[in-house]
């Protein structure tokens, strides 16, 4: 799955996002017009977010309303889970470690080294599995 960045400023967000701490002045490390690979998706209380590598070179959860879909295909090996009704994360789907390890989501959001190692290993594995185009 790939997304094309349409916006990179908080003034394009839906109002529910401001409850997460974003403001209309928030600037995302994304380039308008650039295509980004999606590594996972989650439904938070405030809406759908996607896990991608932003222009800083680090993974992060980005509000989906900043993008349009460029490639609709979802990896066949993604897994899915749902949170409890009181959880901020209502549903999540993506690579196995994200689903099987309940602490991985938060550790990755906090850019903890062990979580980053798992993430980059997954990115490398997926990149190696992609067919080479002619």
C-alpha atoms as a PDB file:
ATOM      1  CA  UNK A   1       0.000   0.000   0.000  1.00  0.00           C
ATOM      2  CA  UNK A   2       1.273   3.441  -0.882  1.00  0.00           C
ATOM      3  CA  UNK A   3      -0.048   6.918  -0.159  1.00  0.00           C
ATOM      4  CA  UNK A   4       0.629  10.253  -1.799  1.00  0.00           C
ATOM      5  CA  UNK A   5       0.956  13.233   0.536  1.00  0.00           C
ATOM      6  CA  UNK A   6      -1.670  15.915  -0.195  1.00  0.00           C
ATOM      7  CA  UNK A   7      -1.089  18.123   2.840  1.00  0.00           C
ATOM      8  CA  UNK A   8       1.616  18.572   5.463  1.00  0.00           C
ATOM      9  CA  UNK A   9       0.051  21.139   7.787  1.00  0.00           C
ATOM     10  CA  UNK A  10      -2.332  20.750  10.704  1.00  0.00           C
ATOM     11  CA  UNK A  11      -4.899  23.132   9.259  1.00  0.00           C
ATOM     12  CA  UNK A  12      -6.018  20.276   6.982  1.00  0.00           C
ATOM     13  CA  UNK A  13      -6.804  17.887   9.853  1.00  0.00           C
ATOM     14  CA  UNK A  14     -10.258  16.940  11.056  1.00  0.00           C
ATOM     15  CA  UNK A  15     -11.167  18.583  14.400  1.00  0.00           C
ATOM     16  CA  UNK A  16     -10.870  15.293  16.350  1.00  0.00           C
ATOM     17  CA  UNK A  17      -7.099  15.348  15.717  1.00  0.00           C
ATOM     18  CA  UNK A  18      -6.710  18.453  17.863  1.00  0.00           C
ATOM     19  CA  UNK A  19      -7.631  16.276  20.862  1.00  0.00           C
ATOM     20  CA  UNK A  20      -4.369  14.360  20.194  1.00  0.00           C
ATOM     21  CA  UNK A  21      -2.347  17.537  20.592  1.00  0.00           C
ATOM     22  CA  UNK A  22      -2.086  18.615  16.967  1.00  0.00           C
ATOM     23  CA  UNK A  23      -2.923  22.240  16.162  1.00  0.00           C
ATOM     24  CA  UNK A  24      -3.674  24.040  12.891  1.00  0.00           C
ATOM     25  CA  UNK A  25      -0.036  25.221  12.995  1.00  0.00           C
ATOM     26  CA  UNK A  26       1.389  21.665  13.201  1.00  0.00           C
ATOM     27  CA  UNK A  27       3.850  20.963  10.391  1.00  0.00           C
ATOM     28  CA  UNK A  28       4.369  17.332   9.434  1.00  0.00           C
ATOM     29  CA  UNK A  29       7.708  16.079   8.116  1.00  0.00           C
ATOM     30  CA  UNK A  30       6.115  15.089   4.812  1.00  0.00           C
ATOM     31  CA  UNK A  31       6.589  16.357   1.263  1.00  0.00           C
ATOM     32  CA  UNK A  32       3.435  17.226  -0.665  1.00  0.00           C
ATOM     33  CA  UNK A  33       3.300  15.074  -3.809  1.00  0.00           C
ATOM     34  CA  UNK A  34       5.689  12.427  -2.480  1.00  0.00           C
ATOM     35  CA  UNK A  35       4.670   8.760  -2.285  1.00  0.00           C
ATOM     36  CA  UNK A  36       5.118   6.924   1.018  1.00  0.00           C
ATOM     37  CA  UNK A  37       4.984   3.174   1.706  1.00  0.00           C
ATOM     38  CA  UNK A  38       2.518   2.185   4.437  1.00  0.00           C
ATOM     39  CA  UNK A  39       3.859  -0.303   6.983  1.00  0.00           C
ATOM     40  CA  UNK A  40       0.741  -0.574   9.165  1.00  0.00           C
ATOM     41  CA  UNK A  41      -2.550   1.139   9.951  1.00  0.00           C
ATOM     42  CA  UNK A  42      -4.392   1.795  13.193  1.00  0.00           C
ATOM     43  CA  UNK A  43      -7.749   3.152  14.161  1.00  0.00           C
ATOM     44  CA  UNK A  44      -7.248   5.514  17.081  1.00  0.00           C
ATOM     45  CA  UNK A  45     -10.030   7.241  18.991  1.00  0.00           C
ATOM     46  CA  UNK A  46      -9.496  10.298  16.800  1.00  0.00           C
ATOM     47  CA  UNK A  47      -9.392   8.466  13.461  1.00  0.00           C
ATOM     48  CA  UNK A  48      -7.321   6.356  11.110  1.00  0.00           C
ATOM     49  CA  UNK A  49      -3.521   6.666  11.098  1.00  0.00           C
ATOM     50  CA  UNK A  50      -0.854   5.036   8.950  1.00  0.00           C
ATOM     51  CA  UNK A  51       2.655   3.993   9.898  1.00  0.00           C
ATOM     52  CA  UNK A  52       5.226   5.282   7.439  1.00  0.00           C
ATOM     53  CA  UNK A  53       8.738   6.642   7.298  1.00  0.00           C
ATOM     54  CA  UNK A  54       8.557  10.435   7.138  1.00  0.00           C
ATOM     55  CA  UNK A  55      11.101  12.892   5.755  1.00  0.00           C
ATOM     56  CA  UNK A  56      13.183  12.660   8.947  1.00  0.00           C
ATOM     57  CA  UNK A  57      13.884   9.009   8.090  1.00  0.00           C
ATOM     58  CA  UNK A  58      12.022   7.773  11.174  1.00  0.00           C
ATOM     59  CA  UNK A  59       8.801   5.782  11.385  1.00  0.00           C
ATOM     60  CA  UNK A  60       5.738   7.528  12.708  1.00  0.00           C
ATOM     61  CA  UNK A  61       1.956   7.369  12.769  1.00  0.00           C
ATOM     62  CA  UNK A  62       0.444   9.933  10.402  1.00  0.00           C
ATOM     63  CA  UNK A  63      -3.208  11.016  10.101  1.00  0.00           C
ATOM     64  CA  UNK A  64      -4.721   9.476   6.980  1.00  0.00           C
ATOM     65  CA  UNK A  65      -6.441  12.682   5.883  1.00  0.00           C
ATOM     66  CA  UNK A  66      -3.038  14.046   4.830  1.00  0.00           C
ATOM     67  CA  UNK A  67      -2.928  11.533   1.945  1.00  0.00           C
ATOM     68  CA  UNK A  68      -4.606  10.001  -1.075  1.00  0.00           C
ATOM     69  CA  UNK A  69      -4.171   6.341  -2.000  1.00  0.00           C
ATOM     70  CA  UNK A  70      -1.671   5.577  -4.764  1.00  0.00           C
ATOM     71  CA  UNK A  71      -1.585   1.768  -4.438  1.00  0.00           C
ATOM     72  CA  UNK A  72      -4.596   0.079  -2.838  1.00  0.00           C
ATOM     73  CA  UNK A  73      -2.984  -3.327  -2.289  1.00  0.00           C
ATOM     74  CA  UNK A  74      -2.539  -4.434   1.320  1.00  0.00           C
ATOM     75  CA  UNK A  75       0.235  -6.954   2.072  1.00  0.00           C
ATOM     76  CA  UNK A  76      -1.155 -10.489   2.298  1.00  0.00           C
ATOM     77  CA  UNK A  77       0.800 -11.233   5.479  1.00  0.00           C
ATOM     78  CA  UNK A  78      -0.596  -8.369   7.554  1.00  0.00           C
ATOM     79  CA  UNK A  79      -2.365  -9.339  10.769  1.00  0.00           C
ATOM     80  CA  UNK A  80      -5.236  -7.601  12.570  1.00  0.00           C
ATOM     81  CA  UNK A  81      -6.283  -7.060  16.171  1.00  0.00           C
ATOM     82  CA  UNK A  82      -8.780  -4.971  18.103  1.00  0.00           C
ATOM     83  CA  UNK A  83      -8.236  -3.098  21.343  1.00  0.00           C
ATOM     84  CA  UNK A  84     -10.512  -2.910  24.334  1.00  0.00           C
ATOM     85  CA  UNK A  85     -13.309  -0.318  24.249  1.00  0.00           C
ATOM     86  CA  UNK A  86     -11.334   1.898  26.665  1.00  0.00           C
ATOM     87  CA  UNK A  87      -8.069   1.719  24.648  1.00  0.00           C
ATOM     88  CA  UNK A  88      -6.861   4.635  22.518  1.00  0.00           C
ATOM     89  CA  UNK A  89      -6.036   2.117  19.761  1.00  0.00           C
ATOM     90  CA  UNK A  90      -9.358   0.641  18.684  1.00  0.00           C
ATOM     91  CA  UNK A  91      -7.956  -1.578  15.903  1.00  0.00           C
ATOM     92  CA  UNK A  92      -4.583  -2.193  14.312  1.00  0.00           C
ATOM     93  CA  UNK A  93      -3.309  -4.112  11.315  1.00  0.00           C
ATOM     94  CA  UNK A  94       0.166  -4.579   9.953  1.00  0.00           C
ATOM     95  CA  UNK A  95       3.279  -6.718  10.338  1.00  0.00           C
ATOM     96  CA  UNK A  96       3.246  -9.565  12.848  1.00  0.00           C
ATOM     97  CA  UNK A  97       5.287  -8.018  15.693  1.00  0.00           C
ATOM     98  CA  UNK A  98       2.964  -5.022  15.770  1.00  0.00           C
ATOM     99  CA  UNK A  99       0.008  -7.305  16.395  1.00  0.00           C
ATOM    100  CA  UNK A 100       1.586 -10.074  18.464  1.00  0.00           C
ATOM    101  CA  UNK A 101       3.504  -7.821  20.895  1.00  0.00           C
ATOM    102  CA  UNK A 102       1.109  -5.508  22.754  1.00  0.00           C
ATOM    103  CA  UNK A 103       3.979  -3.184  23.742  1.00  0.00           C
ATOM    104  CA  UNK A 104       5.457  -2.774  20.257  1.00  0.00           C
ATOM    105  CA  UNK A 105       3.051  -0.019  19.133  1.00  0.00           C
ATOM    106  CA  UNK A 106       3.951   2.278  22.024  1.00  0.00           C
ATOM    107  CA  UNK A 107       7.654   1.392  21.914  1.00  0.00           C
ATOM    108  CA  UNK A 108       7.762   2.212  18.221  1.00  0.00           C
ATOM    109  CA  UNK A 109       5.889   5.487  18.801  1.00  0.00           C
ATOM    110  CA  UNK A 110       8.552   6.337  21.394  1.00  0.00           C
ATOM    111  CA  UNK A 111      11.317   5.334  18.926  1.00  0.00           C
ATOM    112  CA  UNK A 112      12.804   2.811  21.349  1.00  0.00           C
ATOM    113  CA  UNK A 113      15.847   1.035  19.840  1.00  0.00           C
ATOM    114  CA  UNK A 114      14.470  -2.514  20.162  1.00  0.00           C
ATOM    115  CA  UNK A 115      11.207  -1.511  18.469  1.00  0.00           C
ATOM    116  CA  UNK A 116      13.081   0.336  15.717  1.00  0.00           C
ATOM    117  CA  UNK A 117      15.217  -2.747  15.097  1.00  0.00           C
ATOM    118  CA  UNK A 118      12.080  -4.853  14.591  1.00  0.00           C
ATOM    119  CA  UNK A 119      10.522  -2.198  12.357  1.00  0.00           C
ATOM    120  CA  UNK A 120      13.605  -1.821  10.119  1.00  0.00           C
ATOM    121  CA  UNK A 121      13.954  -5.602   9.897  1.00  0.00           C
ATOM    122  CA  UNK A 122      10.355  -5.778   8.683  1.00  0.00           C
ATOM    123  CA  UNK A 123      10.924  -2.978   6.141  1.00  0.00           C
ATOM    124  CA  UNK A 124      14.036  -4.748   4.860  1.00  0.00           C
ATOM    125  CA  UNK A 125      12.214  -8.091   4.615  1.00  0.00           C
ATOM    126  CA  UNK A 126       9.276  -6.549   2.763  1.00  0.00           C
ATOM    127  CA  UNK A 127      11.563  -4.646   0.386  1.00  0.00           C
ATOM    128  CA  UNK A 128      13.458  -7.859  -0.393  1.00  0.00           C
ATOM    129  CA  UNK A 129      10.136  -9.621  -1.129  1.00  0.00           C
ATOM    130  CA  UNK A 130       8.952  -6.983  -3.633  1.00  0.00           C
ATOM    131  CA  UNK A 131       9.186  -8.050  -7.253  1.00  0.00           C
ATOM    132  CA  UNK A 132      11.674  -6.199  -9.412  1.00  0.00           C
ATOM    133  CA  UNK A 133       9.927  -4.232 -12.154  1.00  0.00           C
ATOM    134  CA  UNK A 134      11.269  -4.178 -15.720  1.00  0.00           C
END
